[in-house]
Amino acid sequence: MQLGFLVDLRLCMGCKGCEIACKVENEVPLSTWRLRVKYVDVGTFPETKRTFTPLRCNHCANAPCERICPVSALHYLENGIVNIDKERCIGCAGCVLACPYGAIYIDPQTQTADKCTYCAHRVASSMMPSCVVACPVEANIFGDLDDPMSSISKYIQSHQGNVQVRKPEKGTEPHHFYVGGGNVTLNPLASFRGEGHNLFNNLKHLPIGGH
């Protein structure tokens, strides 16, 4: 078994229900996140639109966080989930630096590493991750990539040529996929902000004082 995740970005409407469900289910502290929904505005007025991209741990087959952990706190479960043993973690933050997706953080309360685990505790009880349950448009698809009859396998098969992963050049072999994504949504370096959109640059030209 190899569990994986897919988000159809054509369906995602940016409601952040998944983000909230994740926070509640996993008691994620304020100022940190296991899952966040990034939004990017694209186009030129009046032809503009806002895109939404949920970001979480990619549960890579070649996970640099798992390799770098000196105490094996990050480890693979039999179902392919990259899990964290917070009892073993020493808070060295090596995994935080190793992850090319920025998906790991140090819990400010426990001073140990934390990230999305695909809600491993729910999966162990044959339940779906909380974010999947919360999505009102069913943009999140979760299941066994090794089972050709699973929902996620069928979805990938029916959308061949339109399935992408983030940063494939890193060689991490992510098990988190996107359908309907583009360069702007999946590549953080692809966005361009002109000087005219920089609030500071606009304000610095205003007169100071009462004149």
N, C-alpha and C. Protein backbone atom coordinates (compact mmCIF):
# COMPACT_ATOMS: atom_id res chain seq x y z
N MET A 1 0.83 -1.20 0.00
CA MET A 1 0.00 0.00 0.00
C MET A 1 0.87 1.26 0.00
N GLN A 2 0.48 2.22 -0.83
CA GLN A 2 1.13 3.52 -0.85
C GLN A 2 0.06 4.60 -0.91
N LEU A 3 -0.19 5.21 0.23
CA LEU A 3 -1.21 6.25 0.28
C LEU A 3 -0.71 7.53 -0.39
N GLY A 4 -1.61 8.19 -1.07
CA GLY A 4 -1.26 9.44 -1.73
C GLY A 4 -2.41 10.41 -1.70
N PHE A 5 -2.13 11.63 -2.15
CA PHE A 5 -3.11 12.72 -2.09
C PHE A 5 -3.13 13.43 -3.44
N LEU A 6 -4.30 13.88 -3.83
CA LEU A 6 -4.43 14.66 -5.06
C LEU A 6 -5.42 15.80 -4.80
N VAL A 7 -5.09 16.98 -5.30
CA VAL A 7 -6.00 18.13 -5.22
C VAL A 7 -6.33 18.59 -6.62
N ASP A 8 -7.61 18.66 -6.93
CA ASP A 8 -8.04 19.20 -8.22
C ASP A 8 -8.21 20.71 -8.04
N LEU A 9 -7.24 21.47 -8.51
CA LEU A 9 -7.24 22.92 -8.31
C LEU A 9 -8.34 23.62 -9.11
N ARG A 10 -8.94 22.93 -10.06
CA ARG A 10 -10.05 23.51 -10.80
C ARG A 10 -11.31 23.58 -9.95
N LEU A 11 -11.35 22.74 -8.90
CA LEU A 11 -12.51 22.71 -8.02
C LEU A 11 -12.32 23.56 -6.77
N CYS A 12 -11.08 23.66 -6.30
CA CYS A 12 -10.80 24.38 -5.05
C CYS A 12 -11.29 25.83 -5.16
N MET A 13 -12.08 26.27 -4.17
CA MET A 13 -12.62 27.63 -4.18
C MET A 13 -12.03 28.50 -3.08
N GLY A 14 -11.00 27.99 -2.41
CA GLY A 14 -10.30 28.81 -1.42
C GLY A 14 -11.07 29.07 -0.16
N CYS A 15 -12.00 28.20 0.22
CA CYS A 15 -12.80 28.43 1.42
C CYS A 15 -12.00 28.22 2.70
N LYS A 16 -10.88 27.51 2.60
CA LYS A 16 -9.99 27.20 3.72
C LYS A 16 -10.63 26.30 4.77
N GLY A 17 -11.69 25.60 4.38
CA GLY A 17 -12.30 24.64 5.28
C GLY A 17 -11.32 23.54 5.66
N CYS A 18 -10.50 23.12 4.69
CA CYS A 18 -9.51 22.08 4.97
C CYS A 18 -8.47 22.57 5.97
N GLU A 19 -8.09 23.84 5.84
CA GLU A 19 -7.09 24.43 6.73
C GLU A 19 -7.60 24.46 8.17
N ILE A 20 -8.85 24.86 8.34
CA ILE A 20 -9.45 24.94 9.67
C ILE A 20 -9.64 23.54 10.25
N ALA A 21 -10.13 22.60 9.42
CA ALA A 21 -10.33 21.24 9.90
C ALA A 21 -9.03 20.62 10.38
N CYS A 22 -7.95 20.89 9.66
CA CYS A 22 -6.63 20.38 10.04
C CYS A 22 -6.20 20.96 11.38
N LYS A 23 -6.38 22.26 11.56
CA LYS A 23 -6.02 22.93 12.80
C LYS A 23 -6.74 22.30 13.99
N VAL A 24 -8.05 22.10 13.83
CA VAL A 24 -8.88 21.58 14.92
C VAL A 24 -8.54 20.12 15.21
N GLU A 25 -8.46 19.31 14.16
CA GLU A 25 -8.22 17.88 14.33
C GLU A 25 -6.88 17.59 14.99
N ASN A 26 -5.86 18.34 14.60
CA ASN A 26 -4.50 18.05 15.06
C ASN A 26 -3.98 19.03 16.12
N GLU A 27 -4.87 19.92 16.59
CA GLU A 27 -4.52 20.89 17.63
C GLU A 27 -3.23 21.64 17.27
N VAL A 28 -3.22 22.17 16.04
CA VAL A 28 -2.05 22.90 15.54
C VAL A 28 -2.01 24.28 16.18
N PRO A 29 -0.87 24.66 16.80
CA PRO A 29 -0.79 25.95 17.49
C PRO A 29 -0.94 27.13 16.54
N LEU A 30 -1.31 28.28 17.10
CA LEU A 30 -1.38 29.51 16.33
C LEU A 30 -0.01 29.83 15.74
N SER A 31 -0.02 30.47 14.59
CA SER A 31 1.18 30.90 13.85
C SER A 31 1.90 29.74 13.17
N THR A 32 1.37 28.54 13.26
CA THR A 32 1.97 27.39 12.56
C THR A 32 0.88 26.69 11.75
N TRP A 33 1.29 25.84 10.84
CA TRP A 33 0.31 25.15 10.02
C TRP A 33 0.85 23.81 9.53
N ARG A 34 -0.03 22.84 9.44
CA ARG A 34 0.26 21.58 8.75
C ARG A 34 -0.23 21.67 7.31
N LEU A 35 -1.26 22.46 7.12
CA LEU A 35 -1.88 22.65 5.82
C LEU A 35 -2.24 24.12 5.69
N ARG A 36 -1.87 24.73 4.58
CA ARG A 36 -2.31 26.10 4.32
C ARG A 36 -2.71 26.23 2.86
N VAL A 37 -3.61 27.14 2.61
CA VAL A 37 -4.09 27.37 1.26
C VAL A 37 -3.47 28.67 0.75
N LYS A 38 -2.60 28.56 -0.21
CA LYS A 38 -1.95 29.72 -0.82
C LYS A 38 -2.83 30.29 -1.90
N TYR A 39 -2.91 31.61 -2.00
CA TYR A 39 -3.63 32.21 -3.11
C TYR A 39 -2.71 33.15 -3.88
N VAL A 40 -2.88 33.15 -5.17
CA VAL A 40 -2.10 34.01 -6.06
C VAL A 40 -3.05 34.69 -7.03
N ASP A 41 -2.93 36.01 -7.15
CA ASP A 41 -3.72 36.76 -8.12
C ASP A 41 -2.95 36.83 -9.44
N VAL A 42 -3.61 36.49 -10.52
CA VAL A 42 -2.96 36.48 -11.82
C VAL A 42 -3.76 37.30 -12.82
N GLY A 43 -3.09 37.77 -13.85
CA GLY A 43 -3.74 38.53 -14.89
C GLY A 43 -3.51 40.02 -14.75
N THR A 44 -4.05 40.77 -15.68
CA THR A 44 -3.97 42.22 -15.68
C THR A 44 -5.39 42.79 -15.70
N PHE A 45 -5.65 43.72 -14.80
CA PHE A 45 -6.98 44.30 -14.70
C PHE A 45 -7.47 44.81 -16.05
N PRO A 46 -8.70 44.52 -16.44
CA PRO A 46 -9.76 43.89 -15.65
C PRO A 46 -9.83 42.37 -15.79
N GLU A 47 -8.91 41.78 -16.54
CA GLU A 47 -8.90 40.32 -16.74
C GLU A 47 -8.03 39.68 -15.67
N THR A 48 -8.57 39.55 -14.48
CA THR A 48 -7.81 38.98 -13.37
C THR A 48 -8.59 37.85 -12.72
N LYS A 49 -7.88 37.00 -12.01
CA LYS A 49 -8.52 35.95 -11.24
C LYS A 49 -7.61 35.56 -10.09
N ARG A 50 -8.18 34.92 -9.10
CA ARG A 50 -7.43 34.45 -7.94
C ARG A 50 -7.39 32.93 -7.95
N THR A 51 -6.20 32.37 -7.82
CA THR A 51 -6.03 30.92 -7.79
C THR A 51 -5.73 30.46 -6.38
N PHE A 52 -6.11 29.23 -6.06
CA PHE A 52 -5.91 28.68 -4.72
C PHE A 52 -5.15 27.37 -4.81
N THR A 53 -4.18 27.19 -3.92
CA THR A 53 -3.37 25.97 -3.91
C THR A 53 -3.15 25.48 -2.48
N PRO A 54 -3.83 24.40 -2.07
CA PRO A 54 -3.55 23.82 -0.75
C PRO A 54 -2.15 23.21 -0.72
N LEU A 55 -1.40 23.52 0.33
CA LEU A 55 -0.03 23.03 0.48
C LEU A 55 0.08 22.22 1.76
N ARG A 56 0.71 21.06 1.66
CA ARG A 56 0.93 20.19 2.83
C ARG A 56 2.15 19.33 2.56
N CYS A 57 2.51 18.49 3.51
CA CYS A 57 3.61 17.56 3.31
C CYS A 57 3.33 16.68 2.09
N ASN A 58 4.35 16.43 1.29
CA ASN A 58 4.20 15.65 0.06
C ASN A 58 4.43 14.15 0.26
N HIS A 59 4.82 13.72 1.46
CA HIS A 59 5.02 12.31 1.77
C HIS A 59 5.82 11.62 0.67
N CYS A 60 7.01 12.15 0.47
CA CYS A 60 7.87 11.74 -0.63
C CYS A 60 8.40 10.31 -0.46
N ALA A 61 8.58 9.63 -1.58
CA ALA A 61 9.20 8.31 -1.55
C ALA A 61 10.68 8.42 -1.23
N ASN A 62 11.28 9.57 -1.58
CA ASN A 62 12.70 9.82 -1.31
C ASN A 62 12.78 11.07 -0.43
N ALA A 63 12.24 10.97 0.77
CA ALA A 63 12.07 12.12 1.65
C ALA A 63 13.38 12.56 2.30
N PRO A 64 13.87 13.77 1.99
CA PRO A 64 15.11 14.25 2.61
C PRO A 64 14.97 14.46 4.12
N CYS A 65 13.76 14.75 4.58
CA CYS A 65 13.56 14.94 6.03
C CYS A 65 13.79 13.63 6.78
N GLU A 66 13.34 12.53 6.18
CA GLU A 66 13.51 11.22 6.82
C GLU A 66 14.99 10.82 6.85
N ARG A 67 15.70 11.13 5.78
CA ARG A 67 17.11 10.75 5.70
C ARG A 67 17.97 11.54 6.68
N ILE A 68 17.63 12.82 6.88
CA ILE A 68 18.50 13.68 7.67
C ILE A 68 18.27 13.55 9.17
N CYS A 69 17.13 13.03 9.58
CA CYS A 69 16.80 12.96 11.01
C CYS A 69 17.79 12.07 11.75
N PRO A 70 18.52 12.60 12.73
CA PRO A 70 19.55 11.82 13.41
C PRO A 70 19.02 10.79 14.40
N VAL A 71 17.73 10.89 14.74
CA VAL A 71 17.18 9.97 15.75
C VAL A 71 16.01 9.16 15.19
N SER A 72 15.85 9.21 13.87
CA SER A 72 14.77 8.46 13.18
C SER A 72 13.38 8.81 13.70
N ALA A 73 13.22 10.07 14.12
CA ALA A 73 11.88 10.51 14.53
C ALA A 73 10.95 10.57 13.33
N LEU A 74 11.49 10.97 12.19
CA LEU A 74 10.73 10.89 10.95
C LEU A 74 10.95 9.51 10.34
N HIS A 75 9.85 8.84 10.06
CA HIS A 75 9.96 7.45 9.59
C HIS A 75 8.76 7.11 8.72
N TYR A 76 8.92 6.08 7.91
CA TYR A 76 7.83 5.62 7.04
C TYR A 76 6.95 4.62 7.76
N LEU A 77 5.64 4.78 7.62
CA LEU A 77 4.71 3.76 8.05
C LEU A 77 4.53 2.75 6.91
N GLU A 78 3.93 1.63 7.21
CA GLU A 78 3.76 0.60 6.19
C GLU A 78 2.88 1.06 5.03
N ASN A 79 2.03 2.05 5.28
CA ASN A 79 1.15 2.54 4.22
C ASN A 79 1.78 3.68 3.42
N GLY A 80 3.06 3.99 3.69
CA GLY A 80 3.78 5.00 2.93
C GLY A 80 3.75 6.39 3.53
N ILE A 81 2.99 6.60 4.58
CA ILE A 81 2.95 7.90 5.24
C ILE A 81 4.29 8.18 5.91
N VAL A 82 4.80 9.41 5.73
CA VAL A 82 6.00 9.84 6.46
C VAL A 82 5.51 10.43 7.79
N ASN A 83 5.74 9.71 8.85
CA ASN A 83 5.20 10.06 10.16
C ASN A 83 6.29 10.66 11.05
N ILE A 84 5.88 11.28 12.16
CA ILE A 84 6.81 11.85 13.13
C ILE A 84 6.56 11.26 14.50
N ASP A 85 7.61 10.76 15.13
CA ASP A 85 7.53 10.31 16.53
C ASP A 85 8.02 11.46 17.40
N LYS A 86 7.09 12.19 17.98
CA LYS A 86 7.44 13.39 18.75
C LYS A 86 8.14 13.04 20.06
N GLU A 87 8.05 11.78 20.47
CA GLU A 87 8.77 11.34 21.67
C GLU A 87 10.26 11.20 21.39
N ARG A 88 10.61 10.89 20.15
CA ARG A 88 12.01 10.73 19.78
C ARG A 88 12.66 12.03 19.32
N CYS A 89 11.83 12.93 18.77
CA CYS A 89 12.35 14.17 18.18
C CYS A 89 13.11 15.00 19.21
N ILE A 90 14.27 15.51 18.82
CA ILE A 90 15.09 16.32 19.72
C ILE A 90 15.04 17.81 19.33
N GLY A 91 14.22 18.14 18.34
CA GLY A 91 14.03 19.54 17.96
C GLY A 91 15.23 20.18 17.30
N CYS A 92 16.05 19.40 16.60
CA CYS A 92 17.25 19.96 15.98
C CYS A 92 16.94 20.79 14.74
N ALA A 93 15.73 20.62 14.18
CA ALA A 93 15.25 21.37 13.01
C ALA A 93 15.97 21.00 11.71
N GLY A 94 16.72 19.91 11.71
CA GLY A 94 17.36 19.47 10.47
C GLY A 94 16.33 19.17 9.38
N CYS A 95 15.22 18.58 9.78
CA CYS A 95 14.16 18.24 8.82
C CYS A 95 13.51 19.49 8.24
N VAL A 96 13.39 20.53 9.07
CA VAL A 96 12.81 21.79 8.61
C VAL A 96 13.64 22.36 7.46
N LEU A 97 14.95 22.30 7.63
CA LEU A 97 15.86 22.83 6.61
C LEU A 97 15.92 21.92 5.39
N ALA A 98 15.77 20.62 5.60
CA ALA A 98 15.91 19.66 4.50
C ALA A 98 14.70 19.63 3.57
N CYS A 99 13.52 19.95 4.09
CA CYS A 99 12.30 19.85 3.29
C CYS A 99 12.25 20.96 2.24
N PRO A 100 12.19 20.62 0.96
CA PRO A 100 12.15 21.65 -0.08
C PRO A 100 10.78 22.29 -0.25
N TYR A 101 9.80 21.80 0.51
CA TYR A 101 8.43 22.30 0.37
C TYR A 101 8.00 23.19 1.53
N GLY A 102 8.88 23.39 2.50
CA GLY A 102 8.52 24.22 3.65
C GLY A 102 7.36 23.65 4.44
N ALA A 103 7.26 22.33 4.50
CA ALA A 103 6.09 21.69 5.08
C ALA A 103 6.25 21.31 6.55
N ILE A 104 7.45 21.51 7.11
CA ILE A 104 7.71 21.09 8.49
C ILE A 104 7.97 22.33 9.35
N TYR A 105 7.48 22.31 10.56
CA TYR A 105 7.69 23.42 11.49
C TYR A 105 8.05 22.86 12.86
N ILE A 106 8.59 23.72 13.70
CA ILE A 106 8.86 23.35 15.08
C ILE A 106 7.70 23.83 15.94
N ASP A 107 7.04 22.91 16.59
CA ASP A 107 5.90 23.23 17.46
C ASP A 107 6.38 24.12 18.60
N PRO A 108 5.84 25.34 18.73
CA PRO A 108 6.31 26.25 19.77
C PRO A 108 5.99 25.79 21.18
N GLN A 109 5.08 24.84 21.31
CA GLN A 109 4.70 24.34 22.63
C GLN A 109 5.56 23.16 23.07
N THR A 110 5.84 22.25 22.13
CA THR A 110 6.60 21.05 22.48
C THR A 110 8.06 21.12 22.05
N GLN A 111 8.38 22.13 21.21
CA GLN A 111 9.73 22.28 20.65
C GLN A 111 10.19 21.04 19.89
N THR A 112 9.23 20.38 19.26
CA THR A 112 9.52 19.23 18.40
C THR A 112 8.95 19.48 17.01
N ALA A 113 9.46 18.75 16.05
CA ALA A 113 9.01 18.91 14.66
C ALA A 113 7.59 18.40 14.49
N ASP A 114 6.87 19.02 13.58
CA ASP A 114 5.52 18.58 13.28
C ASP A 114 5.20 18.92 11.82
N LYS A 115 4.23 18.24 11.25
CA LYS A 115 3.82 18.44 9.86
C LYS A 115 2.57 17.63 9.60
N CYS A 116 2.06 17.75 8.38
CA CYS A 116 0.94 16.90 7.97
C CYS A 116 1.36 15.43 7.97
N THR A 117 0.51 14.61 8.56
CA THR A 117 0.75 13.16 8.56
C THR A 117 -0.37 12.42 7.82
N TYR A 118 -1.11 13.15 6.99
CA TYR A 118 -2.31 12.59 6.36
C TYR A 118 -3.28 12.11 7.43
N CYS A 119 -3.25 12.74 8.62
CA CYS A 119 -4.09 12.32 9.75
C CYS A 119 -3.92 10.81 9.96
N ALA A 120 -2.68 10.39 10.21
CA ALA A 120 -2.36 8.97 10.34
C ALA A 120 -3.23 8.28 11.40
N HIS A 121 -3.58 9.01 12.46
CA HIS A 121 -4.42 8.41 13.51
C HIS A 121 -5.83 8.12 13.00
N ARG A 122 -6.32 8.94 12.10
CA ARG A 122 -7.63 8.68 11.50
C ARG A 122 -7.55 7.55 10.48
N VAL A 123 -6.48 7.57 9.68
CA VAL A 123 -6.29 6.52 8.67
C VAL A 123 -6.21 5.15 9.34
N ALA A 124 -5.55 5.09 10.51
CA ALA A 124 -5.42 3.83 11.23
C ALA A 124 -6.78 3.28 11.67
N SER A 125 -7.76 4.17 11.77
CA SER A 125 -9.12 3.77 12.14
C SER A 125 -10.05 3.71 10.93
N SER A 126 -9.45 3.64 9.74
CA SER A 126 -10.18 3.51 8.47
C SER A 126 -11.05 4.74 8.19
N MET A 127 -10.58 5.91 8.64
CA MET A 127 -11.27 7.17 8.35
C MET A 127 -10.42 8.00 7.39
N MET A 128 -11.06 8.92 6.71
CA MET A 128 -10.37 9.83 5.81
C MET A 128 -9.70 10.95 6.60
N PRO A 129 -8.63 11.56 6.07
CA PRO A 129 -8.06 12.74 6.71
C PRO A 129 -9.12 13.82 6.88
N SER A 130 -8.97 14.64 7.92
CA SER A 130 -9.99 15.64 8.24
C SER A 130 -10.20 16.63 7.10
N CYS A 131 -9.14 16.97 6.37
CA CYS A 131 -9.27 17.94 5.28
C CYS A 131 -10.11 17.40 4.14
N VAL A 132 -10.05 16.10 3.92
CA VAL A 132 -10.84 15.47 2.87
C VAL A 132 -12.32 15.54 3.23
N VAL A 133 -12.62 15.25 4.47
CA VAL A 133 -14.01 15.26 4.94
C VAL A 133 -14.59 16.67 4.89
N ALA A 134 -13.75 17.68 5.19
CA ALA A 134 -14.24 19.05 5.29
C ALA A 134 -14.47 19.72 3.94
N CYS A 135 -13.84 19.25 2.89
CA CYS A 135 -13.91 19.93 1.58
C CYS A 135 -15.32 19.87 1.00
N PRO A 136 -15.98 21.03 0.81
CA PRO A 136 -17.37 21.02 0.32
C PRO A 136 -17.50 20.71 -1.16
N VAL A 137 -16.39 20.79 -1.90
CA VAL A 137 -16.45 20.55 -3.35
C VAL A 137 -15.71 19.28 -3.76
N GLU A 138 -15.24 18.52 -2.78
CA GLU A 138 -14.53 17.25 -3.01
C GLU A 138 -13.33 17.44 -3.93
N ALA A 139 -12.58 18.53 -3.66
CA ALA A 139 -11.36 18.77 -4.44
C ALA A 139 -10.21 17.91 -3.95
N ASN A 140 -10.29 17.41 -2.71
CA ASN A 140 -9.25 16.57 -2.13
C ASN A 140 -9.57 15.10 -2.34
N ILE A 141 -8.64 14.38 -2.92
CA ILE A 141 -8.83 12.96 -3.18
C ILE A 141 -7.69 12.19 -2.54
N PHE A 142 -8.02 11.22 -1.70
CA PHE A 142 -7.03 10.49 -0.93
C PHE A 142 -7.25 8.99 -1.11
N GLY A 143 -6.15 8.24 -1.19
CA GLY A 143 -6.32 6.80 -1.31
C GLY A 143 -5.03 6.07 -1.62
N ASP A 144 -5.17 4.80 -1.97
CA ASP A 144 -4.04 3.91 -2.21
C ASP A 144 -3.61 4.00 -3.67
N LEU A 145 -2.41 4.50 -3.88
CA LEU A 145 -1.87 4.63 -5.24
C LEU A 145 -1.55 3.28 -5.86
N ASP A 146 -1.35 2.27 -5.02
CA ASP A 146 -1.03 0.93 -5.53
C ASP A 146 -2.27 0.16 -5.97
N ASP A 147 -3.44 0.65 -5.61
CA ASP A 147 -4.69 -0.01 -5.99
C ASP A 147 -5.26 0.67 -7.23
N PRO A 148 -5.24 0.00 -8.37
CA PRO A 148 -5.72 0.63 -9.61
C PRO A 148 -7.21 0.97 -9.58
N MET A 149 -7.94 0.41 -8.62
CA MET A 149 -9.37 0.67 -8.53
C MET A 149 -9.71 1.75 -7.51
N SER A 150 -8.70 2.30 -6.84
CA SER A 150 -8.97 3.35 -5.86
C SER A 150 -9.36 4.64 -6.57
N SER A 151 -10.01 5.53 -5.84
CA SER A 151 -10.47 6.79 -6.44
C SER A 151 -9.31 7.62 -6.96
N ILE A 152 -8.22 7.67 -6.20
CA ILE A 152 -7.09 8.50 -6.61
C ILE A 152 -6.40 7.92 -7.83
N SER A 153 -6.28 6.60 -7.90
CA SER A 153 -5.65 5.97 -9.07
C SER A 153 -6.47 6.21 -10.32
N LYS A 154 -7.79 6.09 -10.20
CA LYS A 154 -8.67 6.33 -11.34
C LYS A 154 -8.60 7.79 -11.78
N TYR A 155 -8.50 8.69 -10.81
CA TYR A 155 -8.45 10.12 -11.13
C TYR A 155 -7.17 10.45 -11.89
N ILE A 156 -6.06 9.90 -11.41
CA ILE A 156 -4.79 10.13 -12.10
C ILE A 156 -4.81 9.54 -13.50
N GLN A 157 -5.38 8.35 -13.63
CA GLN A 157 -5.45 7.70 -14.93
C GLN A 157 -6.30 8.50 -15.92
N SER A 158 -7.40 9.07 -15.43
CA SER A 158 -8.31 9.79 -16.32
C SER A 158 -7.84 11.21 -16.63
N HIS A 159 -6.81 11.67 -15.90
CA HIS A 159 -6.30 13.02 -16.13
C HIS A 159 -4.82 13.00 -16.53
N GLN A 160 -4.41 11.94 -17.19
CA GLN A 160 -3.02 11.85 -17.63
C GLN A 160 -2.66 13.04 -18.51
N GLY A 161 -1.48 13.57 -18.26
CA GLY A 161 -1.04 14.75 -18.99
C GLY A 161 -1.36 16.04 -18.28
N ASN A 162 -2.22 15.96 -17.26
CA ASN A 162 -2.59 17.15 -16.50
C ASN A 162 -2.31 16.99 -15.01
N VAL A 163 -1.54 15.96 -14.66
CA VAL A 163 -1.20 15.69 -13.27
C VAL A 163 0.22 16.20 -13.00
N GLN A 164 0.37 17.01 -11.97
CA GLN A 164 1.66 17.61 -11.66
C GLN A 164 2.02 17.42 -10.19
N VAL A 165 3.32 17.57 -9.89
CA VAL A 165 3.79 17.62 -8.52
C VAL A 165 4.61 18.88 -8.35
N ARG A 166 4.84 19.28 -7.12
CA ARG A 166 5.66 20.46 -6.86
C ARG A 166 7.15 20.08 -6.88
N LYS A 167 7.95 20.92 -7.48
CA LYS A 167 9.39 20.80 -7.51
C LYS A 167 9.88 19.39 -7.89
N PRO A 168 9.47 18.88 -9.03
CA PRO A 168 9.91 17.53 -9.44
C PRO A 168 11.42 17.44 -9.61
N GLU A 169 12.06 18.59 -9.88
CA GLU A 169 13.52 18.59 -10.09
C GLU A 169 14.30 18.23 -8.83
N LYS A 170 13.65 18.24 -7.67
CA LYS A 170 14.33 17.90 -6.42
C LYS A 170 14.52 16.40 -6.26
N GLY A 171 13.84 15.61 -7.06
CA GLY A 171 14.01 14.16 -7.00
C GLY A 171 13.46 13.51 -5.74
N THR A 172 12.48 14.16 -5.11
CA THR A 172 11.94 13.61 -3.86
C THR A 172 10.83 12.59 -4.10
N GLU A 173 10.34 12.51 -5.32
CA GLU A 173 9.25 11.59 -5.68
C GLU A 173 8.03 11.78 -4.78
N PRO A 174 7.39 12.94 -4.88
CA PRO A 174 6.23 13.23 -4.02
C PRO A 174 5.06 12.29 -4.30
N HIS A 175 4.28 12.04 -3.25
CA HIS A 175 3.03 11.29 -3.38
C HIS A 175 1.85 12.24 -3.20
N HIS A 176 2.08 13.51 -3.50
CA HIS A 176 1.02 14.51 -3.46
C HIS A 176 0.95 15.14 -4.85
N PHE A 177 -0.24 15.06 -5.46
CA PHE A 177 -0.41 15.46 -6.85
C PHE A 177 -1.43 16.58 -6.98
N TYR A 178 -1.33 17.28 -8.10
CA TYR A 178 -2.27 18.35 -8.42
C TYR A 178 -2.78 18.16 -9.84
N VAL A 179 -4.04 18.47 -10.03
CA VAL A 179 -4.65 18.51 -11.36
C VAL A 179 -5.13 19.94 -11.58
N GLY A 180 -4.87 20.47 -12.78
CA GLY A 180 -5.33 21.82 -13.10
C GLY A 180 -4.42 22.92 -12.61
N GLY A 181 -3.22 22.56 -12.19
CA GLY A 181 -2.28 23.57 -11.72
C GLY A 181 -1.50 24.18 -12.86
N GLY A 182 -0.86 25.29 -12.59
CA GLY A 182 -0.02 25.95 -13.58
C GLY A 182 1.28 26.38 -12.94
N ASN A 183 2.11 27.02 -13.71
CA ASN A 183 3.41 27.43 -13.21
C ASN A 183 3.28 28.42 -12.06
N VAL A 184 2.32 29.31 -12.15
CA VAL A 184 2.14 30.32 -11.10
C VAL A 184 1.67 29.69 -9.80
N THR A 185 0.79 28.69 -9.89
CA THR A 185 0.24 28.09 -8.68
C THR A 185 1.22 27.16 -7.98
N LEU A 186 2.07 26.48 -8.74
CA LEU A 186 2.96 25.47 -8.14
C LEU A 186 4.40 25.93 -8.00
N ASN A 187 4.80 26.99 -8.69
CA ASN A 187 6.17 27.48 -8.62
C ASN A 187 6.18 28.86 -7.96
N PRO A 188 6.67 28.96 -6.71
CA PRO A 188 6.64 30.25 -6.00
C PRO A 188 7.50 31.33 -6.65
N LEU A 189 8.41 30.95 -7.53
CA LEU A 189 9.26 31.94 -8.19
C LEU A 189 8.66 32.46 -9.49
N ALA A 190 7.51 31.93 -9.86
CA ALA A 190 6.92 32.30 -11.13
C ALA A 190 6.12 33.60 -11.06
N SER A 191 5.74 34.00 -9.86
CA SER A 191 4.92 35.21 -9.72
C SER A 191 5.79 36.46 -9.85
N PHE A 192 5.21 37.50 -10.42
CA PHE A 192 5.92 38.77 -10.57
C PHE A 192 5.08 39.90 -9.98
N ARG A 193 5.69 40.69 -9.14
CA ARG A 193 5.00 41.84 -8.57
C ARG A 193 5.70 43.11 -9.06
N GLY A 194 5.02 43.86 -9.90
CA GLY A 194 5.59 45.10 -10.41
C GLY A 194 5.68 46.17 -9.34
N GLU A 195 6.49 47.16 -9.59
CA GLU A 195 6.71 48.21 -8.60
C GLU A 195 5.42 48.95 -8.27
N GLY A 196 4.54 49.05 -9.24
CA GLY A 196 3.29 49.77 -9.01
C GLY A 196 2.38 49.11 -8.01
N HIS A 197 2.65 47.81 -7.69
CA HIS A 197 1.81 47.09 -6.75
C HIS A 197 2.44 47.03 -5.36
N ASN A 198 3.57 47.68 -5.19
CA ASN A 198 4.26 47.65 -3.90
C ASN A 198 3.78 48.84 -3.07
N LEU A 199 3.09 48.55 -1.98
CA LEU A 199 2.51 49.61 -1.16
C LEU A 199 3.57 50.55 -0.63
N PHE A 200 4.72 50.01 -0.22
CA PHE A 200 5.78 50.86 0.34
C PHE A 200 6.28 51.84 -0.73
N ASN A 201 6.47 51.32 -1.95
CA ASN A 201 6.95 52.19 -3.02
C ASN A 201 5.95 53.30 -3.34
N ASN A 202 4.66 53.00 -3.19
CA ASN A 202 3.64 54.00 -3.43
C ASN A 202 3.63 55.05 -2.33
N LEU A 203 3.78 54.60 -1.08
CA LEU A 203 3.71 55.52 0.05
C LEU A 203 4.93 56.42 0.17
N LYS A 204 6.09 55.93 -0.26
CA LYS A 204 7.30 56.70 -0.05
C LYS A 204 7.35 57.97 -0.91
N HIS A 205 6.44 58.04 -1.90
CA HIS A 205 6.40 59.22 -2.74
C HIS A 205 5.41 60.27 -2.22
N LEU A 206 4.66 59.92 -1.15
CA LEU A 206 3.70 60.87 -0.61
C LEU A 206 4.42 61.92 0.24
N PRO A 207 3.93 63.15 0.27
CA PRO A 207 4.55 64.19 1.10
C PRO A 207 4.39 63.90 2.58
N ILE A 208 5.36 64.27 3.36
CA ILE A 208 5.34 64.05 4.80
C ILE A 208 4.94 65.37 5.48
N GLY A 209 4.08 65.29 6.47
CA GLY A 209 3.66 66.49 7.19
C GLY A 209 2.27 66.92 6.75
N GLY A 210 1.94 68.17 7.05
CA GLY A 210 0.60 68.63 6.79
C GLY A 210 0.43 69.34 5.47
N HIS A 211 1.43 69.35 4.61
CA HIS A 211 1.33 70.06 3.33
C HIS A 211 0.74 69.17 2.25
